[in-house]
C-alpha atoms as a PDB file:
ATOM      1  CA  MET A   1      15.952 -39.479 138.172  1.00  0.00           C
ATOM      2  CA  PRO A   2      18.161 -41.126 135.504  1.00  0.00           C
ATOM      3  CA  LEU A   3      16.384 -43.350 133.001  1.00  0.00           C
ATOM      4  CA  VAL A   4      16.324 -47.017 133.923  1.00  0.00           C
ATOM      5  CA  SER A   5      16.639 -49.793 131.357  1.00  0.00           C
ATOM      6  CA  THR A   6      13.620 -51.723 130.168  1.00  0.00           C
ATOM      7  CA  SER A   7      15.521 -54.957 130.710  1.00  0.00           C
ATOM      8  CA  GLU A   8      16.145 -54.087 134.385  1.00  0.00           C
ATOM      9  CA  LEU A   9      12.413 -53.515 134.969  1.00  0.00           C
ATOM     10  CA  ILE A  10      11.386 -56.616 133.063  1.00  0.00           C
ATOM     11  CA  ILE A  11      13.931 -58.989 134.600  1.00  0.00           C
ATOM     12  CA  THR A  12      13.011 -57.826 138.100  1.00  0.00           C
ATOM     13  CA  ALA A  13       9.291 -58.188 137.436  1.00  0.00           C
ATOM     14  CA  ARG A  14       9.661 -61.668 135.917  1.00  0.00           C
ATOM     15  CA  ALA A  15      11.655 -62.853 138.914  1.00  0.00           C
ATOM     16  CA  ARG A  16       8.867 -61.631 141.189  1.00  0.00           C
ATOM     17  CA  ASN A  17       6.058 -63.023 138.968  1.00  0.00           C
ATOM     18  CA  THR A  18       4.722 -59.516 138.504  1.00  0.00           C
ATOM     19  CA  ALA A  19       4.618 -57.233 135.446  1.00  0.00           C
ATOM     20  CA  VAL A  20       5.694 -53.878 134.085  1.00  0.00           C
ATOM     21  CA  MET A  21       3.188 -51.653 132.288  1.00  0.00           C
ATOM     22  CA  ALA A  22       4.219 -49.769 129.159  1.00  0.00           C
ATOM     23  CA  PHE A  23       2.257 -46.763 127.876  1.00  0.00           C
ATOM     24  CA  ASN A  24       2.325 -45.218 124.405  1.00  0.00           C
ATOM     25  CA  VAL A  25       3.597 -41.680 123.915  1.00  0.00           C
ATOM     26  CA  ILE A  26       2.221 -39.605 121.030  1.00  0.00           C
ATOM     27  CA  THR A  27       2.572 -36.032 122.352  1.00  0.00           C
ATOM     28  CA  VAL A  28       4.608 -34.416 125.130  1.00  0.00           C
ATOM     29  CA  GLU A  29       1.338 -34.394 127.144  1.00  0.00           C
ATOM     30  CA  HIS A  30       1.245 -38.183 126.918  1.00  0.00           C
ATOM     31  CA  ALA A  31       4.759 -38.412 128.325  1.00  0.00           C
ATOM     32  CA  GLU A  32       3.975 -35.984 131.152  1.00  0.00           C
ATOM     33  CA  ALA A  33       0.784 -37.886 131.985  1.00  0.00           C
ATOM     34  CA  ILE A  34       2.562 -41.236 132.083  1.00  0.00           C
ATOM     35  CA  ALA A  35       5.215 -39.875 134.418  1.00  0.00           C
ATOM     36  CA  ALA A  36       2.573 -38.255 136.642  1.00  0.00           C
ATOM     37  CA  GLY A  37       0.530 -41.472 136.757  1.00  0.00           C
ATOM     38  CA  ALA A  38       3.562 -43.560 137.662  1.00  0.00           C
ATOM     39  CA  GLU A  39       4.467 -41.069 140.392  1.00  0.00           C
ATOM     40  CA  ALA A  40       0.924 -41.186 141.784  1.00  0.00           C
ATOM     41  CA  ALA A  41       0.926 -45.000 141.798  1.00  0.00           C
ATOM     42  CA  GLY A  42       4.487 -45.277 143.135  1.00  0.00           C
ATOM     43  CA  THR A  43       5.237 -47.763 140.401  1.00  0.00           C
ATOM     44  CA  PRO A  44       7.825 -47.999 137.577  1.00  0.00           C
ATOM     45  CA  ALA A  45       6.623 -47.768 134.003  1.00  0.00           C
ATOM     46  CA  VAL A  46       7.843 -47.812 130.399  1.00  0.00           C
ATOM     47  CA  LEU A  47       7.246 -44.901 128.055  1.00  0.00           C
ATOM     48  CA  GLN A  48       7.112 -46.180 124.506  1.00  0.00           C
ATOM     49  CA  ILE A  49       7.123 -44.396 121.203  1.00  0.00           C
ATOM     50  CA  SER A  50       5.830 -46.323 118.179  1.00  0.00           C
ATOM     51  CA  GLU A  51       6.848 -46.056 114.544  1.00  0.00           C
ATOM     52  CA  ASN A  52       3.372 -44.655 113.862  1.00  0.00           C
ATOM     53  CA  ALA A  53       3.982 -41.891 116.427  1.00  0.00           C
ATOM     54  CA  VAL A  54       7.291 -41.086 114.722  1.00  0.00           C
ATOM     55  CA  LYS A  55       5.439 -40.833 111.404  1.00  0.00           C
ATOM     56  CA  PHE A  56       2.952 -38.457 113.063  1.00  0.00           C
ATOM     57  CA  HIS A  57       5.932 -36.243 113.970  1.00  0.00           C
ATOM     58  CA  GLY A  58       6.996 -35.997 110.338  1.00  0.00           C
ATOM     59  CA  GLY A  59       9.214 -39.074 110.492  1.00  0.00           C
ATOM     60  CA  ARG A  60      11.588 -37.342 112.912  1.00  0.00           C
ATOM     61  CA  LEU A  61      12.445 -39.447 115.938  1.00  0.00           C
ATOM     62  CA  ALA A  62      14.837 -37.050 117.683  1.00  0.00           C
ATOM     63  CA  PRO A  63      12.396 -34.319 118.887  1.00  0.00           C
ATOM     64  CA  ILE A  64       9.745 -36.552 120.466  1.00  0.00           C
ATOM     65  CA  ALA A  65      12.415 -38.945 121.846  1.00  0.00           C
ATOM     66  CA  ALA A  66      14.345 -36.080 123.429  1.00  0.00           C
ATOM     67  CA  ALA A  67      11.205 -34.580 124.939  1.00  0.00           C
ATOM     68  CA  THR A  68      10.049 -37.923 126.314  1.00  0.00           C
ATOM     69  CA  ALA A  69      13.446 -38.717 127.791  1.00  0.00           C
ATOM     70  CA  SER A  70      13.597 -35.254 129.371  1.00  0.00           C
ATOM     71  CA  VAL A  71      10.164 -35.727 130.975  1.00  0.00           C
ATOM     72  CA  ALA A  72      11.239 -39.134 132.285  1.00  0.00           C
ATOM     73  CA  ARG A  73      14.467 -37.792 133.771  1.00  0.00           C
ATOM     74  CA  ALA A  74      12.641 -34.991 135.522  1.00  0.00           C
ATOM     75  CA  SER A  75      10.357 -37.483 137.259  1.00  0.00           C
ATOM     76  CA  PRO A  76      11.117 -39.237 140.582  1.00  0.00           C
ATOM     77  CA  ALA A  77       9.486 -42.395 139.176  1.00  0.00           C
ATOM     78  CA  ARG A  78      11.605 -45.192 137.711  1.00  0.00           C
ATOM     79  CA  LEU A  79      10.949 -44.885 134.011  1.00  0.00           C
ATOM     80  CA  ALA A  80      12.359 -46.552 130.899  1.00  0.00           C
ATOM     81  CA  LEU A  81      12.226 -45.531 127.214  1.00  0.00           C
ATOM     82  CA  HIS A  82      11.168 -48.063 124.562  1.00  0.00           C
ATOM     83  CA  LEU A  83      10.789 -47.839 120.752  1.00  0.00           C
ATOM     84  CA  ASP A  84       7.678 -49.808 119.761  1.00  0.00           C
ATOM     85  CA  HIS A  85       6.367 -51.614 116.672  1.00  0.00           C
ATOM     86  CA  VAL A  86       9.372 -50.806 114.509  1.00  0.00           C
ATOM     87  CA  GLU A  87       9.173 -52.178 110.959  1.00  0.00           C
ATOM     88  CA  SER A  88      11.751 -49.817 109.460  1.00  0.00           C
ATOM     89  CA  VAL A  89      15.366 -51.005 109.762  1.00  0.00           C
ATOM     90  CA  ASP A  90      16.485 -47.349 109.535  1.00  0.00           C
ATOM     91  CA  LEU A  91      14.354 -46.481 112.565  1.00  0.00           C
ATOM     92  CA  LEU A  92      15.690 -49.496 114.470  1.00  0.00           C
ATOM     93  CA  HIS A  93      19.197 -48.265 113.767  1.00  0.00           C
ATOM     94  CA  ALA A  94      18.311 -44.819 115.107  1.00  0.00           C
ATOM     95  CA  ALA A  95      17.324 -46.184 118.499  1.00  0.00           C
ATOM     96  CA  SER A  96      20.716 -46.342 120.133  1.00  0.00           C
ATOM     97  CA  ALA A  97      21.361 -42.645 119.509  1.00  0.00           C
ATOM     98  CA  HIS A  98      18.236 -41.485 121.304  1.00  0.00           C
ATOM     99  CA  ASP A  99      18.210 -42.883 124.851  1.00  0.00           C
ATOM    100  CA  PHE A 100      16.176 -45.982 124.077  1.00  0.00           C
ATOM    101  CA  THR A 101      17.259 -49.108 125.963  1.00  0.00           C
ATOM    102  CA  SER A 102      14.846 -51.403 124.127  1.00  0.00           C
ATOM    103  CA  VAL A 103      13.044 -51.855 120.812  1.00  0.00           C
ATOM    104  CA  MET A 104      10.123 -53.930 119.657  1.00  0.00           C
ATOM    105  CA  PHE A 105      11.017 -55.047 116.110  1.00  0.00           C
ATOM    106  CA  ASP A 106       7.858 -56.015 114.285  1.00  0.00           C
ATOM    107  CA  ALA A 107       8.244 -58.460 111.399  1.00  0.00           C
ATOM    108  CA  SER A 108       4.972 -60.212 112.192  1.00  0.00           C
ATOM    109  CA  LYS A 109       3.438 -59.386 108.787  1.00  0.00           C
ATOM    110  CA  LEU A 110       6.138 -61.434 107.052  1.00  0.00           C
ATOM    111  CA  PRO A 111       5.905 -65.200 106.407  1.00  0.00           C
ATOM    112  CA  TYR A 112       7.315 -67.145 109.360  1.00  0.00           C
ATOM    113  CA  GLY A 113      10.710 -67.905 107.792  1.00  0.00           C
ATOM    114  CA  ASP A 114      11.233 -64.298 106.710  1.00  0.00           C
ATOM    115  CA  ASN A 115      10.139 -63.087 110.117  1.00  0.00           C
ATOM    116  CA  VAL A 116      12.774 -65.303 111.782  1.00  0.00           C
ATOM    117  CA  LYS A 117      15.539 -64.095 109.466  1.00  0.00           C
ATOM    118  CA  ALA A 118      14.680 -60.415 109.769  1.00  0.00           C
ATOM    119  CA  THR A 119      14.227 -60.570 113.555  1.00  0.00           C
ATOM    120  CA  ALA A 120      17.418 -62.560 114.136  1.00  0.00           C
ATOM    121  CA  LYS A 121      19.336 -59.923 112.211  1.00  0.00           C
ATOM    122  CA  ALA A 122      17.652 -57.173 114.220  1.00  0.00           C
ATOM    123  CA  ALA A 123      18.404 -58.957 117.504  1.00  0.00           C
ATOM    124  CA  HIS A 124      22.068 -59.384 116.600  1.00  0.00           C
ATOM    125  CA  TRP A 125      22.362 -55.676 115.727  1.00  0.00           C
ATOM    126  CA  ALA A 126      20.555 -54.665 118.936  1.00  0.00           C
ATOM    127  CA  HIS A 127      22.590 -56.875 121.215  1.00  0.00           C
ATOM    128  CA  GLU A 128      25.893 -55.529 119.810  1.00  0.00           C
ATOM    129  CA  ARG A 129      24.700 -52.127 121.069  1.00  0.00           C
ATOM    130  CA  GLY A 130      23.314 -53.212 124.401  1.00  0.00           C
ATOM    131  CA  LEU A 131      19.672 -52.919 123.397  1.00  0.00           C
ATOM    132  CA  TRP A 132      16.942 -55.311 124.622  1.00  0.00           C
ATOM    133  CA  LEU A 133      14.834 -56.587 121.693  1.00  0.00           C
ATOM    134  CA  GLU A 134      11.159 -57.587 121.743  1.00  0.00           C
ATOM    135  CA  ALA A 135       9.417 -59.258 118.783  1.00  0.00           C
ATOM    136  CA  GLU A 136       5.964 -60.573 117.887  1.00  0.00           C
ATOM    137  CA  LEU A 137       4.648 -63.962 116.832  1.00  0.00           C
ATOM    138  CA  GLY A 138       0.980 -64.496 116.070  1.00  0.00           C
ATOM    139  CA  ARG A 139      -1.051 -61.594 114.814  1.00  0.00           C
ATOM    140  CA  VAL A 140      -2.425 -59.550 117.688  1.00  0.00           C
ATOM    141  CA  GLY A 141      -4.848 -57.783 115.350  1.00  0.00           C
ATOM    142  CA  GLY A 142      -6.394 -54.338 115.330  1.00  0.00           C
ATOM    143  CA  LYS A 143      -3.922 -52.720 112.969  1.00  0.00           C
ATOM    144  CA  ALA A 144      -4.319 -51.880 109.282  1.00  0.00           C
ATOM    145  CA  GLY A 145      -3.306 -54.849 107.160  1.00  0.00           C
ATOM    146  CA  ASP A 146      -3.376 -57.226 110.107  1.00  0.00           C
ATOM    147  CA  ALA A 147      -5.448 -60.356 110.493  1.00  0.00           C
ATOM    148  CA  HIS A 148      -8.308 -58.993 112.665  1.00  0.00           C
ATOM    149  CA  THR A 149      -9.208 -62.584 113.340  1.00  0.00           C
ATOM    150  CA  PRO A 150     -10.412 -63.228 116.910  1.00  0.00           C
ATOM    151  CA  GLY A 151      -9.277 -66.837 116.791  1.00  0.00           C
ATOM    152  CA  VAL A 152      -5.644 -66.186 115.918  1.00  0.00           C
ATOM    153  CA  ARG A 153      -3.366 -67.407 118.694  1.00  0.00           C
ATOM    154  CA  THR A 154       0.349 -67.990 119.210  1.00  0.00           C
ATOM    155  CA  ASP A 155       1.338 -71.661 119.287  1.00  0.00           C
ATOM    156  CA  PRO A 156       3.677 -72.518 122.221  1.00  0.00           C
ATOM    157  CA  ALA A 157       5.915 -74.900 120.247  1.00  0.00           C
ATOM    158  CA  GLU A 158       6.279 -72.404 117.429  1.00  0.00           C
ATOM    159  CA  ALA A 159       6.966 -69.667 119.946  1.00  0.00           C
ATOM    160  CA  ALA A 160       9.781 -71.680 121.524  1.00  0.00           C
ATOM    161  CA  ALA A 161      11.302 -72.368 118.143  1.00  0.00           C
ATOM    162  CA  TYR A 162      10.943 -68.723 117.158  1.00  0.00           C
ATOM    163  CA  VAL A 163      12.788 -67.500 120.267  1.00  0.00           C
ATOM    164  CA  ALA A 164      15.538 -70.055 119.735  1.00  0.00           C
ATOM    165  CA  GLY A 165      15.899 -69.047 116.096  1.00  0.00           C
ATOM    166  CA  THR A 166      15.924 -65.286 116.629  1.00  0.00           C
ATOM    167  CA  GLY A 167      17.601 -64.749 120.007  1.00  0.00           C
ATOM    168  CA  VAL A 168      15.039 -62.135 121.059  1.00  0.00           C
ATOM    169  CA  ASP A 169      14.779 -60.970 124.648  1.00  0.00           C
ATOM    170  CA  ALA A 170      10.969 -60.888 124.912  1.00  0.00           C
ATOM    171  CA  LEU A 171       8.033 -62.097 122.884  1.00  0.00           C
ATOM    172  CA  ALA A 172       4.683 -60.427 122.217  1.00  0.00           C
ATOM    173  CA  VAL A 173       2.046 -63.119 121.778  1.00  0.00           C
ATOM    174  CA  ALA A 174      -1.526 -63.312 120.540  1.00  0.00           C
ATOM    175  CA  VAL A 175      -3.770 -64.602 123.340  1.00  0.00           C
ATOM    176  CA  GLY A 176      -7.031 -62.764 122.789  1.00  0.00           C
ATOM    177  CA  SER A 177      -6.321 -59.014 122.971  1.00  0.00           C
ATOM    178  CA  THR A 178      -6.638 -56.611 120.028  1.00  0.00           C
ATOM    179  CA  HIS A 179      -5.035 -53.274 119.314  1.00  0.00           C
ATOM    180  CA  ALA A 180      -7.162 -50.075 119.270  1.00  0.00           C
ATOM    181  CA  MET A 181     -10.067 -51.362 121.401  1.00  0.00           C
ATOM    182  CA  THR A 182     -12.069 -48.558 123.025  1.00  0.00           C
ATOM    183  CA  GLU A 183     -14.161 -50.813 125.252  1.00  0.00           C
ATOM    184  CA  ARG A 184     -12.668 -53.179 127.816  1.00  0.00           C
ATOM    185  CA  THR A 185     -14.431 -56.371 126.729  1.00  0.00           C
ATOM    186  CA  ALA A 186     -11.591 -58.680 125.656  1.00  0.00           C
ATOM    187  CA  THR A 187     -11.292 -62.157 127.182  1.00  0.00           C
ATOM    188  CA  LEU A 188      -7.815 -63.647 127.333  1.00  0.00           C
ATOM    189  CA  ASP A 189      -6.784 -67.297 127.051  1.00  0.00           C
ATOM    190  CA  HIS A 190      -5.083 -67.730 130.457  1.00  0.00           C
ATOM    191  CA  ALA A 191      -4.354 -71.393 129.871  1.00  0.00           C
ATOM    192  CA  LEU A 192      -2.473 -70.505 126.672  1.00  0.00           C
ATOM    193  CA  ILE A 193      -0.544 -67.779 128.527  1.00  0.00           C
ATOM    194  CA  ALA A 194       0.560 -70.360 131.081  1.00  0.00           C
ATOM    195  CA  ALA A 195       1.529 -72.793 128.330  1.00  0.00           C
ATOM    196  CA  LEU A 196       3.557 -70.097 126.576  1.00  0.00           C
ATOM    197  CA  ARG A 197       5.229 -69.131 129.836  1.00  0.00           C
ATOM    198  CA  ALA A 198       6.278 -72.754 130.329  1.00  0.00           C
ATOM    199  CA  ALA A 199       7.477 -73.143 126.727  1.00  0.00           C
ATOM    200  CA  VAL A 200       9.300 -69.854 126.174  1.00  0.00           C
ATOM    201  CA  PRO A 201      12.408 -68.879 128.114  1.00  0.00           C
ATOM    202  CA  VAL A 202      11.974 -65.110 127.692  1.00  0.00           C
ATOM    203  CA  PRO A 203       9.370 -62.691 129.143  1.00  0.00           C
ATOM    204  CA  LEU A 204       5.959 -62.537 127.468  1.00  0.00           C
ATOM    205  CA  VAL A 205       4.384 -59.271 126.311  1.00  0.00           C
ATOM    206  CA  LEU A 206       0.666 -58.437 125.962  1.00  0.00           C
ATOM    207  CA  HIS A 207      -0.178 -55.924 123.257  1.00  0.00           C
ATOM    208  CA  GLY A 208      -3.628 -54.354 122.923  1.00  0.00           C
ATOM    209  CA  SER A 209      -4.266 -54.218 126.676  1.00  0.00           C
ATOM    210  CA  SER A 210      -6.531 -51.158 126.576  1.00  0.00           C
ATOM    211  CA  GLY A 211      -9.454 -53.427 125.781  1.00  0.00           C
ATOM    212  CA  VAL A 212      -8.747 -55.915 128.536  1.00  0.00           C
ATOM    213  CA  PRO A 213     -10.587 -55.596 131.909  1.00  0.00           C
ATOM    214  CA  ASP A 214      -8.500 -55.284 135.083  1.00  0.00           C
ATOM    215  CA  ALA A 215      -9.384 -58.747 136.339  1.00  0.00           C
ATOM    216  CA  GLU A 216      -8.327 -60.272 132.999  1.00  0.00           C
ATOM    217  CA  LEU A 217      -5.037 -58.352 133.169  1.00  0.00           C
ATOM    218  CA  ARG A 218      -4.388 -59.548 136.720  1.00  0.00           C
ATOM    219  CA  GLY A 219      -5.094 -63.096 135.555  1.00  0.00           C
ATOM    220  CA  ALA A 220      -2.722 -62.634 132.638  1.00  0.00           C
ATOM    221  CA  VAL A 221       0.066 -61.501 134.952  1.00  0.00           C
ATOM    222  CA  ALA A 222      -0.600 -64.458 137.277  1.00  0.00           C
ATOM    223  CA  ALA A 223      -0.432 -66.803 134.284  1.00  0.00           C
ATOM    224  CA  GLY A 224       2.925 -65.439 133.101  1.00  0.00           C
ATOM    225  CA  MET A 225       2.662 -62.081 131.300  1.00  0.00           C
ATOM    226  CA  THR A 226       5.497 -59.710 132.190  1.00  0.00           C
ATOM    227  CA  LYS A 227       5.038 -56.590 130.019  1.00  0.00           C
ATOM    228  CA  ILE A 228       1.604 -55.065 129.518  1.00  0.00           C
ATOM    229  CA  ASN A 229       1.182 -52.488 126.728  1.00  0.00           C
ATOM    230  CA  VAL A 230      -1.492 -49.761 126.901  1.00  0.00           C
ATOM    231  CA  GLY A 231      -2.101 -47.071 124.281  1.00  0.00           C
ATOM    232  CA  THR A 232      -5.699 -46.505 123.188  1.00  0.00           C
ATOM    233  CA  ALA A 233      -6.976 -46.055 126.729  1.00  0.00           C
ATOM    234  CA  LEU A 234      -4.827 -42.922 127.040  1.00  0.00           C
ATOM    235  CA  ASN A 235      -6.122 -41.540 123.773  1.00  0.00           C
ATOM    236  CA  THR A 236      -9.703 -42.221 124.842  1.00  0.00           C
ATOM    237  CA  ALA A 237      -9.143 -40.283 128.052  1.00  0.00           C
ATOM    238  CA  PHE A 238      -7.365 -37.468 126.198  1.00  0.00           C
ATOM    239  CA  THR A 239     -10.020 -37.052 123.522  1.00  0.00           C
ATOM    240  CA  GLY A 240     -12.905 -37.343 125.962  1.00  0.00           C
ATOM    241  CA  ALA A 241     -11.491 -34.579 128.153  1.00  0.00           C
ATOM    242  CA  VAL A 242     -10.843 -32.274 125.190  1.00  0.00           C
ATOM    243  CA  ARG A 243     -14.305 -32.892 123.782  1.00  0.00           C
ATOM    244  CA  ALA A 244     -15.988 -32.253 127.123  1.00  0.00           C
ATOM    245  CA  PHE A 245     -14.054 -29.023 127.666  1.00  0.00           C
ATOM    246  CA  LEU A 246     -14.736 -27.608 124.197  1.00  0.00           C
ATOM    247  CA  GLU A 247     -18.428 -28.510 124.436  1.00  0.00           C
ATOM    248  CA  ALA A 248     -18.634 -26.570 127.719  1.00  0.00           C
ATOM    249  CA  HIS A 249     -16.365 -23.742 126.448  1.00  0.00           C
ATOM    250  CA  PRO A 250     -16.893 -23.531 122.675  1.00  0.00           C
ATOM    251  CA  SER A 251     -15.171 -20.143 122.302  1.00  0.00           C
ATOM    252  CA  THR A 252     -11.836 -21.417 123.703  1.00  0.00           C
ATOM    253  CA  VAL A 253      -8.836 -20.923 121.397  1.00  0.00           C
ATOM    254  CA  ASP A 254      -5.939 -21.381 123.836  1.00  0.00           C
ATOM    255  CA  PRO A 255      -4.976 -25.091 123.603  1.00  0.00           C
ATOM    256  CA  ARG A 256      -3.552 -24.998 127.137  1.00  0.00           C
ATOM    257  CA  LYS A 257      -7.061 -24.665 128.479  1.00  0.00           C
ATOM    258  CA  TYR A 258      -8.104 -28.094 127.166  1.00  0.00           C
ATOM    259  CA  LEU A 259      -4.746 -29.798 127.239  1.00  0.00           C
ATOM    260  CA  VAL A 260      -4.574 -29.489 131.041  1.00  0.00           C
ATOM    261  CA  PRO A 261      -7.698 -31.594 131.617  1.00  0.00           C
ATOM    262  CA  ALA A 262      -6.633 -33.934 128.843  1.00  0.00           C
ATOM    263  CA  ARG A 263      -3.259 -34.514 130.461  1.00  0.00           C
ATOM    264  CA  GLU A 264      -4.872 -34.975 133.858  1.00  0.00           C
ATOM    265  CA  ALA A 265      -7.338 -37.522 132.423  1.00  0.00           C
ATOM    266  CA  MET A 266      -4.471 -39.529 130.925  1.00  0.00           C
ATOM    267  CA  ALA A 267      -2.489 -39.404 134.169  1.00  0.00           C
ATOM    268  CA  GLY A 268      -5.519 -40.713 136.036  1.00  0.00           C
ATOM    269  CA  THR A 269      -5.901 -43.539 133.518  1.00  0.00           C
ATOM    270  CA  VAL A 270      -2.214 -44.482 133.876  1.00  0.00           C
ATOM    271  CA  ALA A 271      -2.444 -44.453 137.674  1.00  0.00           C
ATOM    272  CA  ARG A 272      -5.605 -46.603 137.656  1.00  0.00           C
ATOM    273  CA  PHE A 273      -4.005 -49.200 135.394  1.00  0.00           C
ATOM    274  CA  LEU A 274      -0.909 -49.349 137.609  1.00  0.00           C
ATOM    275  CA  GLN A 275      -2.891 -49.573 140.796  1.00  0.00           C
ATOM    276  CA  ASN A 276      -5.668 -51.920 139.642  1.00  0.00           C
ATOM    277  CA  VAL A 277      -3.485 -54.432 137.842  1.00  0.00           C
ATOM    278  CA  ARG A 278      -1.233 -54.612 140.905  1.00  0.00           C
ATOM    279  CA  THR A 279       2.033 -55.007 139.128  1.00  0.00           C
ATOM    280  CA  ARG A 280       4.240 -54.149 142.131  1.00  0.00           C
END
């Protein structure tokens, strides 16, 4: 099936008061697992490649982007391709040449005024090329150099001003989730999500959703979240399956032997998120 645009999925979901789930791609197996999970759940999804994943691939975007897009096109599921957590302007500018329909431009480490200036420039560039642009306000936490402060939250009035000043199409907000959580123990501020939904005219995005229980995610969608990002949960499934296989078969040298259960574990994780959060 041809790739669909992130904006099409997001706009439709917001109009229905549902959400779209976006899953991080690191390897080709991740992309295949996300497609398989979406097919099993009968639900659209977004495959997203982060700047950190591009760095893992030697700083070369083209190979992993081409492989991910090819996997998505071969799937009967409705899938979109998104470039995530981009801090490099050069990487942002590479997006339009590699099948991406959306980018998350991350200037959240900058002081507020500098964040607004950099993001407004990025949004203008993206919109001239038909790209949908997401940005972040309020440190989500869990990344090197980030705040890691549980109490950090996005202020609704500041969020409204930020969207007006930048022209972004979606806003990732800090409401209690944290990147890189391996246990699903996070509690979200649903009242704040509702306040942000009322204050901000663009869709809201939840980063760090791997550590959020299903009931909390369903509550977040009901309160106004439209895009739900999941990454670490796939890596936990992948690594657990590889570790279990190699412990049981320590003489194995053919990576296909352990990558098959790893891919299947990730596909199951994707399908469970899509089914349990009930984003349709």
